[in-house]
PDB file of all heavy atoms in Angstrom:
ATOM      1  N   ASP A   1       0.135   2.598   9.133  1.00  0.00           N
ATOM      2  CA  ASP A   1      -1.007   3.366   9.620  1.00  0.00           C
ATOM      3  C   ASP A   1      -1.482   4.335   8.545  1.00  0.00           C
ATOM      4  O   ASP A   1      -2.619   4.775   8.568  1.00  0.00           O
ATOM      5  CB  ASP A   1      -0.636   4.149  10.887  1.00  0.00           C
ATOM      6  CG  ASP A   1      -0.441   3.228  12.082  1.00  0.00           C
ATOM      7  OD1 ASP A   1      -1.108   2.169  12.140  1.00  0.00           O
ATOM      8  OD2 ASP A   1       0.386   3.549  12.946  1.00  0.00           O
ATOM      9  N   SER A   2      -0.612   4.653   7.605  1.00  0.00           N
ATOM     10  CA  SER A   2      -0.939   5.586   6.524  1.00  0.00           C
ATOM     11  C   SER A   2      -1.027   4.833   5.200  1.00  0.00           C
ATOM     12  O   SER A   2      -0.050   4.199   4.780  1.00  0.00           O
ATOM     13  CB  SER A   2       0.141   6.670   6.424  1.00  0.00           C
ATOM     14  OG  SER A   2       0.053   7.354   5.195  1.00  0.00           O
ATOM     15  N   ILE A   3      -2.171   4.920   4.563  1.00  0.00           N
ATOM     16  CA  ILE A   3      -2.341   4.258   3.266  1.00  0.00           C
ATOM     17  C   ILE A   3      -1.413   4.876   2.223  1.00  0.00           C
ATOM     18  O   ILE A   3      -0.941   4.202   1.307  1.00  0.00           O
ATOM     19  CB  ILE A   3      -3.815   4.275   2.816  1.00  0.00           C
ATOM     20  CG1 ILE A   3      -4.036   3.312   1.645  1.00  0.00           C
ATOM     21  CG2 ILE A   3      -4.279   5.660   2.463  1.00  0.00           C
ATOM     22  CD1 ILE A   3      -3.795   1.887   1.961  1.00  0.00           C
ATOM     23  N   ASN A   4      -1.105   6.161   2.370  1.00  0.00           N
ATOM     24  CA  ASN A   4      -0.198   6.824   1.426  1.00  0.00           C
ATOM     25  C   ASN A   4       1.198   6.215   1.473  1.00  0.00           C
ATOM     26  O   ASN A   4       1.834   6.031   0.439  1.00  0.00           O
ATOM     27  CB  ASN A   4      -0.132   8.326   1.707  1.00  0.00           C
ATOM     28  CG  ASN A   4      -1.422   9.027   1.392  1.00  0.00           C
ATOM     29  OD1 ASN A   4      -2.212   8.570   0.578  1.00  0.00           O
ATOM     30  ND2 ASN A   4      -1.666  10.147   2.061  1.00  0.00           N
ATOM     31  N   GLU A   5       1.678   5.909   2.667  1.00  0.00           N
ATOM     32  CA  GLU A   5       2.993   5.272   2.794  1.00  0.00           C
ATOM     33  C   GLU A   5       2.979   3.876   2.183  1.00  0.00           C
ATOM     34  O   GLU A   5       3.941   3.463   1.531  1.00  0.00           O
ATOM     35  CB  GLU A   5       3.407   5.202   4.261  1.00  0.00           C
ATOM     36  CG  GLU A   5       3.735   6.549   4.859  1.00  0.00           C
ATOM     37  CD  GLU A   5       4.064   6.454   6.343  1.00  0.00           C
ATOM     38  OE1 GLU A   5       4.522   5.373   6.791  1.00  0.00           O
ATOM     39  OE2 GLU A   5       3.870   7.443   7.046  1.00  0.00           O
ATOM     40  N   ALA A   6       1.889   3.156   2.400  1.00  0.00           N
ATOM     41  CA  ALA A   6       1.767   1.811   1.829  1.00  0.00           C
ATOM     42  C   ALA A   6       1.767   1.878   0.299  1.00  0.00           C
ATOM     43  O   ALA A   6       2.437   1.086  -0.369  1.00  0.00           O
ATOM     44  CB  ALA A   6       0.486   1.149   2.333  1.00  0.00           C
ATOM     45  N   GLU A   7       1.041   2.829  -0.258  1.00  0.00           N
ATOM     46  CA  GLU A   7       0.988   2.996  -1.710  1.00  0.00           C
ATOM     47  C   GLU A   7       2.367   3.359  -2.265  1.00  0.00           C
ATOM     48  O   GLU A   7       2.754   2.899  -3.335  1.00  0.00           O
ATOM     49  CB  GLU A   7      -0.026   4.070  -2.102  1.00  0.00           C
ATOM     50  CG  GLU A   7      -1.470   3.662  -1.901  1.00  0.00           C
ATOM     51  CD  GLU A   7      -1.977   2.676  -2.932  1.00  0.00           C
ATOM     52  OE1 GLU A   7      -1.269   2.380  -3.922  1.00  0.00           O
ATOM     53  OE2 GLU A   7      -3.094   2.167  -2.743  1.00  0.00           O
ATOM     54  N   TRP A   8       3.096   4.193  -1.551  1.00  0.00           N
ATOM     55  CA  TRP A   8       4.431   4.599  -1.994  1.00  0.00           C
ATOM     56  C   TRP A   8       5.357   3.383  -2.071  1.00  0.00           C
ATOM     57  O   TRP A   8       6.024   3.161  -3.079  1.00  0.00           O
ATOM     58  CB  TRP A   8       5.011   5.659  -1.064  1.00  0.00           C
ATOM     59  CG  TRP A   8       6.397   6.055  -1.466  1.00  0.00           C
ATOM     60  CD1 TRP A   8       7.567   5.618  -0.909  1.00  0.00           C
ATOM     61  CD2 TRP A   8       6.771   6.901  -2.553  1.00  0.00           C
ATOM     62  NE1 TRP A   8       8.637   6.166  -1.572  1.00  0.00           N
ATOM     63  CE2 TRP A   8       8.179   6.958  -2.583  1.00  0.00           C
ATOM     64  CE3 TRP A   8       6.043   7.624  -3.491  1.00  0.00           C
ATOM     65  CZ2 TRP A   8       8.873   7.698  -3.519  1.00  0.00           C
ATOM     66  CZ3 TRP A   8       6.749   8.371  -4.427  1.00  0.00           C
ATOM     67  CH2 TRP A   8       8.140   8.409  -4.432  1.00  0.00           C
ATOM     68  N   ASP A   9       5.377   2.596  -0.992  1.00  0.00           N
ATOM     69  CA  ASP A   9       6.249   1.424  -0.983  1.00  0.00           C
ATOM     70  C   ASP A   9       5.816   0.411  -2.046  1.00  0.00           C
ATOM     71  O   ASP A   9       6.662  -0.212  -2.688  1.00  0.00           O
ATOM     72  CB  ASP A   9       6.268   0.776   0.396  1.00  0.00           C
ATOM     73  CG  ASP A   9       7.160   1.530   1.377  1.00  0.00           C
ATOM     74  OD1 ASP A   9       7.807   2.527   0.977  1.00  0.00           O
ATOM     75  OD2 ASP A   9       7.226   1.107   2.551  1.00  0.00           O
ATOM     76  N   LYS A  10       4.523   0.258  -2.249  1.00  0.00           N
ATOM     77  CA  LYS A  10       4.036  -0.638  -3.298  1.00  0.00           C
ATOM     78  C   LYS A  10       4.538  -0.173  -4.661  1.00  0.00           C
ATOM     79  O   LYS A  10       4.960  -0.973  -5.485  1.00  0.00           O
ATOM     80  CB  LYS A  10       2.511  -0.709  -3.304  1.00  0.00           C
ATOM     81  CG  LYS A  10       1.961  -1.624  -4.393  1.00  0.00           C
ATOM     82  CD  LYS A  10       0.448  -1.588  -4.429  1.00  0.00           C
ATOM     83  CE  LYS A  10      -0.116  -2.466  -5.519  1.00  0.00           C
ATOM     84  NZ  LYS A  10       0.333  -2.166  -6.864  1.00  0.00           N
ATOM     85  N   SER A  11       4.528   1.141  -4.883  1.00  0.00           N
ATOM     86  CA  SER A  11       5.000   1.653  -6.171  1.00  0.00           C
ATOM     87  C   SER A  11       6.494   1.399  -6.355  1.00  0.00           C
ATOM     88  O   SER A  11       6.953   1.140  -7.469  1.00  0.00           O
ATOM     89  CB  SER A  11       4.680   3.147  -6.329  1.00  0.00           C
ATOM     90  OG  SER A  11       5.481   3.941  -5.483  1.00  0.00           O
ATOM     91  N   LEU A  12       7.273   1.449  -5.273  1.00  0.00           N
ATOM     92  CA  LEU A  12       8.696   1.129  -5.355  1.00  0.00           C
ATOM     93  C   LEU A  12       8.894  -0.322  -5.782  1.00  0.00           C
ATOM     94  O   LEU A  12       9.743  -0.624  -6.628  1.00  0.00           O
ATOM     95  CB  LEU A  12       9.387   1.360  -4.007  1.00  0.00           C
ATOM     96  CG  LEU A  12       9.506   2.802  -3.527  1.00  0.00           C
ATOM     97  CD1 LEU A  12      10.054   2.833  -2.103  1.00  0.00           C
ATOM     98  CD2 LEU A  12      10.382   3.615  -4.456  1.00  0.00           C
ATOM     99  N   LEU A  13       8.100  -1.209  -5.199  1.00  0.00           N
ATOM    100  CA  LEU A  13       8.204  -2.624  -5.540  1.00  0.00           C
ATOM    101  C   LEU A  13       7.729  -2.877  -6.966  1.00  0.00           C
ATOM    102  O   LEU A  13       8.365  -3.635  -7.706  1.00  0.00           O
ATOM    103  CB  LEU A  13       7.419  -3.476  -4.548  1.00  0.00           C
ATOM    104  CG  LEU A  13       7.919  -3.431  -3.102  1.00  0.00           C
ATOM    105  CD1 LEU A  13       7.031  -4.290  -2.214  1.00  0.00           C
ATOM    106  CD2 LEU A  13       9.365  -3.845  -2.999  1.00  0.00           C
ATOM    107  N   ASP A  14       6.636  -2.239  -7.347  1.00  0.00           N
ATOM    108  CA  ASP A  14       6.152  -2.369  -8.726  1.00  0.00           C
ATOM    109  C   ASP A  14       7.234  -1.944  -9.716  1.00  0.00           C
ATOM    110  O   ASP A  14       7.463  -2.599 -10.731  1.00  0.00           O
ATOM    111  CB  ASP A  14       4.894  -1.517  -8.950  1.00  0.00           C
ATOM    112  CG  ASP A  14       3.668  -2.063  -8.253  1.00  0.00           C
ATOM    113  OD1 ASP A  14       3.670  -3.239  -7.828  1.00  0.00           O
ATOM    114  OD2 ASP A  14       2.682  -1.294  -8.116  1.00  0.00           O
ATOM    115  N   GLY A  15       7.907  -0.834  -9.409  1.00  0.00           N
ATOM    116  CA  GLY A  15       8.964  -0.323 -10.274  1.00  0.00           C
ATOM    117  C   GLY A  15      10.149  -1.273 -10.385  1.00  0.00           C
ATOM    118  O   GLY A  15      10.867  -1.273 -11.378  1.00  0.00           O
ATOM    119  N   ALA A  16      10.336  -2.089  -9.347  1.00  0.00           N
ATOM    120  CA  ALA A  16      11.429  -3.064  -9.352  1.00  0.00           C
ATOM    121  C   ALA A  16      10.991  -4.401  -9.950  1.00  0.00           C
ATOM    122  O   ALA A  16      11.759  -5.359  -9.958  1.00  0.00           O
ATOM    123  CB  ALA A  16      11.944  -3.269  -7.926  1.00  0.00           C
ATOM    124  N   GLY A  17       9.751  -4.446 -10.423  1.00  0.00           N
ATOM    125  CA  GLY A  17       9.252  -5.668 -11.045  1.00  0.00           C
ATOM    126  C   GLY A  17       8.797  -6.729 -10.052  1.00  0.00           C
ATOM    127  O   GLY A  17       8.693  -7.904 -10.392  1.00  0.00           O
ATOM    128  N   ILE A  18       8.513  -6.310  -8.824  1.00  0.00           N
ATOM    129  CA  ILE A  18       8.065  -7.239  -7.784  1.00  0.00           C
ATOM    130  C   ILE A  18       6.566  -7.080  -7.591  1.00  0.00           C
ATOM    131  O   ILE A  18       6.087  -5.973  -7.327  1.00  0.00           O
ATOM    132  CB  ILE A  18       8.796  -6.966  -6.452  1.00  0.00           C
ATOM    133  CG1 ILE A  18      10.306  -7.147  -6.633  1.00  0.00           C
ATOM    134  CG2 ILE A  18       8.261  -7.848  -5.331  1.00  0.00           C
ATOM    135  CD1 ILE A  18      11.140  -6.661  -5.466  1.00  0.00           C
ATOM    136  N   TYR A  19       5.823  -8.187  -7.719  1.00  0.00           N
ATOM    137  CA  TYR A  19       4.378  -8.142  -7.507  1.00  0.00           C
ATOM    138  C   TYR A  19       4.107  -7.833  -6.042  1.00  0.00           C
ATOM    139  O   TYR A  19       4.657  -8.471  -5.145  1.00  0.00           O
ATOM    140  CB  TYR A  19       3.721  -9.475  -7.879  1.00  0.00           C
ATOM    141  CG  TYR A  19       2.265  -9.496  -7.519  1.00  0.00           C
ATOM    142  CD1 TYR A  19       1.323  -8.912  -8.348  1.00  0.00           C
ATOM    143  CD2 TYR A  19       1.834 -10.051  -6.316  1.00  0.00           C
ATOM    144  CE1 TYR A  19      -0.017  -8.893  -8.010  1.00  0.00           C
ATOM    145  CE2 TYR A  19       0.501 -10.040  -5.967  1.00  0.00           C
ATOM    146  CZ  TYR A  19      -0.418  -9.461  -6.815  1.00  0.00           C
ATOM    147  OH  TYR A  19      -1.744  -9.425  -6.464  1.00  0.00           O
ATOM    148  N   ALA A  20       3.267  -6.831  -5.794  1.00  0.00           N
ATOM    149  CA  ALA A  20       2.877  -6.472  -4.430  1.00  0.00           C
ATOM    150  C   ALA A  20       1.433  -6.013  -4.441  1.00  0.00           C
ATOM    151  O   ALA A  20       0.931  -5.516  -5.452  1.00  0.00           O
ATOM    152  CB  ALA A  20       3.777  -5.356  -3.900  1.00  0.00           C
ATOM    153  N   MET A  21       0.775  -6.187  -3.306  1.00  0.00           N
ATOM    154  CA  MET A  21      -0.578  -5.663  -3.159  1.00  0.00           C
ATOM    155  C   MET A  21      -0.759  -5.202  -1.725  1.00  0.00           C
ATOM    156  O   MET A  21       0.046  -5.530  -0.850  1.00  0.00           O
ATOM    157  CB  MET A  21      -1.630  -6.703  -3.545  1.00  0.00           C
ATOM    158  CG  MET A  21      -1.683  -7.915  -2.667  1.00  0.00           C
ATOM    159  SD  MET A  21      -2.994  -9.064  -3.149  1.00  0.00           S
ATOM    160  CE  MET A  21      -4.357  -8.434  -2.205  1.00  0.00           C
ATOM    161  N   ILE A  22      -1.803  -4.417  -1.524  1.00  0.00           N
ATOM    162  CA  ILE A  22      -2.091  -3.889  -0.197  1.00  0.00           C
ATOM    163  C   ILE A  22      -3.377  -4.520   0.304  1.00  0.00           C
ATOM    164  O   ILE A  22      -4.418  -4.420  -0.348  1.00  0.00           O
ATOM    165  CB  ILE A  22      -2.216  -2.354  -0.215  1.00  0.00           C
ATOM    166  CG1 ILE A  22      -0.905  -1.738  -0.699  1.00  0.00           C
ATOM    167  CG2 ILE A  22      -2.585  -1.835   1.173  1.00  0.00           C
ATOM    168  CD1 ILE A  22      -0.985  -0.254  -0.944  1.00  0.00           C
ATOM    169  N   ARG A  23      -3.296  -5.158   1.457  1.00  0.00           N
ATOM    170  CA  ARG A  23      -4.476  -5.697   2.120  1.00  0.00           C
ATOM    171  C   ARG A  23      -5.018  -4.655   3.085  1.00  0.00           C
ATOM    172  O   ARG A  23      -4.266  -3.857   3.630  1.00  0.00           O
ATOM    173  CB  ARG A  23      -4.132  -6.951   2.918  1.00  0.00           C
ATOM    174  CG  ARG A  23      -3.883  -8.160   2.096  1.00  0.00           C
ATOM    175  CD  ARG A  23      -3.732  -9.358   3.012  1.00  0.00           C
ATOM    176  NE  ARG A  23      -3.340 -10.529   2.264  1.00  0.00           N
ATOM    177  CZ  ARG A  23      -2.642 -11.532   2.778  1.00  0.00           C
ATOM    178  NH1 ARG A  23      -2.275 -11.499   4.030  1.00  0.00           N
ATOM    179  NH2 ARG A  23      -2.321 -12.562   2.042  1.00  0.00           N
ATOM    180  N   ASN A  24      -6.305  -4.691   3.317  1.00  0.00           N
ATOM    181  CA  ASN A  24      -6.984  -3.793   4.263  1.00  0.00           C
ATOM    182  C   ASN A  24      -6.908  -2.338   3.832  1.00  0.00           C
ATOM    183  O   ASN A  24      -7.008  -1.442   4.660  1.00  0.00           O
ATOM    184  CB  ASN A  24      -6.420  -3.922   5.689  1.00  0.00           C
ATOM    185  CG  ASN A  24      -6.461  -5.313   6.227  1.00  0.00           C
ATOM    186  OD1 ASN A  24      -7.297  -6.115   5.847  1.00  0.00           O
ATOM    187  ND2 ASN A  24      -5.539  -5.631   7.119  1.00  0.00           N
ATOM    188  N   GLU A  25      -6.740  -2.091   2.555  1.00  0.00           N
ATOM    189  CA  GLU A  25      -6.565  -0.722   2.061  1.00  0.00           C
ATOM    190  C   GLU A  25      -7.737   0.182   2.443  1.00  0.00           C
ATOM    191  O   GLU A  25      -7.547   1.253   3.006  1.00  0.00           O
ATOM    192  CB  GLU A  25      -6.386  -0.756   0.545  1.00  0.00           C
ATOM    193  CG  GLU A  25      -6.021   0.571  -0.054  1.00  0.00           C
ATOM    194  CD  GLU A  25      -5.643   0.450  -1.518  1.00  0.00           C
ATOM    195  OE1 GLU A  25      -5.732  -0.646  -2.103  1.00  0.00           O
ATOM    196  OE2 GLU A  25      -5.232   1.474  -2.069  1.00  0.00           O
ATOM    197  N   ILE A  26      -8.929  -0.243   2.161  1.00  0.00           N
ATOM    198  CA  ILE A  26     -10.107   0.582   2.448  1.00  0.00           C
ATOM    199  C   ILE A  26     -10.381   0.619   3.951  1.00  0.00           C
ATOM    200  O   ILE A  26     -10.662   1.681   4.512  1.00  0.00           O
ATOM    201  CB  ILE A  26     -11.325   0.071   1.673  1.00  0.00           C
ATOM    202  CG1 ILE A  26     -11.084   0.269   0.176  1.00  0.00           C
ATOM    203  CG2 ILE A  26     -12.604   0.771   2.119  1.00  0.00           C
ATOM    204  CD1 ILE A  26     -12.104  -0.373  -0.725  1.00  0.00           C
ATOM    205  N   MET A  27     -10.272  -0.525   4.597  1.00  0.00           N
ATOM    206  CA  MET A  27     -10.557  -0.594   6.036  1.00  0.00           C
ATOM    207  C   MET A  27      -9.587   0.263   6.845  1.00  0.00           C
ATOM    208  O   MET A  27      -9.982   0.894   7.817  1.00  0.00           O
ATOM    209  CB  MET A  27     -10.507  -2.049   6.513  1.00  0.00           C
ATOM    210  CG  MET A  27     -11.503  -2.944   5.812  1.00  0.00           C
ATOM    211  SD  MET A  27     -13.215  -2.382   5.947  1.00  0.00           S
ATOM    212  CE  MET A  27     -13.599  -2.957   7.571  1.00  0.00           C
ATOM    213  N   SER A  28      -8.340   0.297   6.443  1.00  0.00           N
ATOM    214  CA  SER A  28      -7.363   1.089   7.194  1.00  0.00           C
ATOM    215  C   SER A  28      -7.645   2.579   7.069  1.00  0.00           C
ATOM    216  O   SER A  28      -7.308   3.361   7.961  1.00  0.00           O
ATOM    217  CB  SER A  28      -5.935   0.777   6.741  1.00  0.00           C
ATOM    218  OG  SER A  28      -5.713   1.235   5.434  1.00  0.00           O
ATOM    219  N   ALA A  29      -8.275   2.982   5.978  1.00  0.00           N
ATOM    220  CA  ALA A  29      -8.633   4.389   5.799  1.00  0.00           C
ATOM    221  C   ALA A  29      -9.881   4.750   6.596  1.00  0.00           C
ATOM    222  O   ALA A  29     -10.068   5.908   6.978  1.00  0.00           O
ATOM    223  CB  ALA A  29      -8.845   4.693   4.321  1.00  0.00           C
ATOM    224  N   MET A  30     -10.725   3.761   6.860  1.00  0.00           N
ATOM    225  CA  MET A  30     -11.998   4.018   7.549  1.00  0.00           C
ATOM    226  C   MET A  30     -11.876   4.004   9.068  1.00  0.00           C
ATOM    227  O   MET A  30     -12.573   4.734   9.754  1.00  0.00           O
ATOM    228  CB  MET A  30     -13.037   2.973   7.123  1.00  0.00           C
ATOM    229  CG  MET A  30     -13.474   3.114   5.690  1.00  0.00           C
ATOM    230  SD  MET A  30     -14.596   1.810   5.124  1.00  0.00           S
ATOM    231  CE  MET A  30     -15.775   1.695   6.438  1.00  0.00           C
ATOM    232  N   TYR A  31     -10.999   3.167   9.599  1.00  0.00           N
ATOM    233  CA  TYR A  31     -10.893   2.993  11.041  1.00  0.00           C
ATOM    234  C   TYR A  31      -9.770   3.858  11.613  1.00  0.00           C
ATOM    235  O   TYR A  31      -8.848   4.238  10.904  1.00  0.00           O
ATOM    236  CB  TYR A  31     -10.637   1.527  11.376  1.00  0.00           C
ATOM    237  CG  TYR A  31     -11.867   0.668  11.178  1.00  0.00           C
ATOM    238  CD1 TYR A  31     -12.074  -0.033  10.004  1.00  0.00           C
ATOM    239  CD2 TYR A  31     -12.828   0.583  12.173  1.00  0.00           C
ATOM    240  CE1 TYR A  31     -13.210  -0.806   9.808  1.00  0.00           C
ATOM    241  CE2 TYR A  31     -13.964  -0.192  11.998  1.00  0.00           C
ATOM    242  CZ  TYR A  31     -14.150  -0.883  10.825  1.00  0.00           C
ATOM    243  OH  TYR A  31     -15.274  -1.635  10.638  1.00  0.00           O
ATOM    244  N   PRO A  32      -9.825   4.130  12.926  1.00  0.00           N
ATOM    245  CA  PRO A  32      -8.755   4.907  13.555  1.00  0.00           C
ATOM    246  C   PRO A  32      -7.400   4.222  13.401  1.00  0.00           C
ATOM    247  O   PRO A  32      -7.322   2.993  13.263  1.00  0.00           O
ATOM    248  CB  PRO A  32      -9.162   4.957  15.029  1.00  0.00           C
ATOM    249  CG  PRO A  32     -10.622   4.658  15.044  1.00  0.00           C
ATOM    250  CD  PRO A  32     -10.882   3.771  13.861  1.00  0.00           C
TER     251      PRO A  32
END
């Protein structure tokens, strides 16, 4: 529900060398 939490976990995966991306990033920030 929080884009900040999604970004944090993505950064953990990036740091471990695992490709990750976030879907619905902008939409999740716009909608309730």
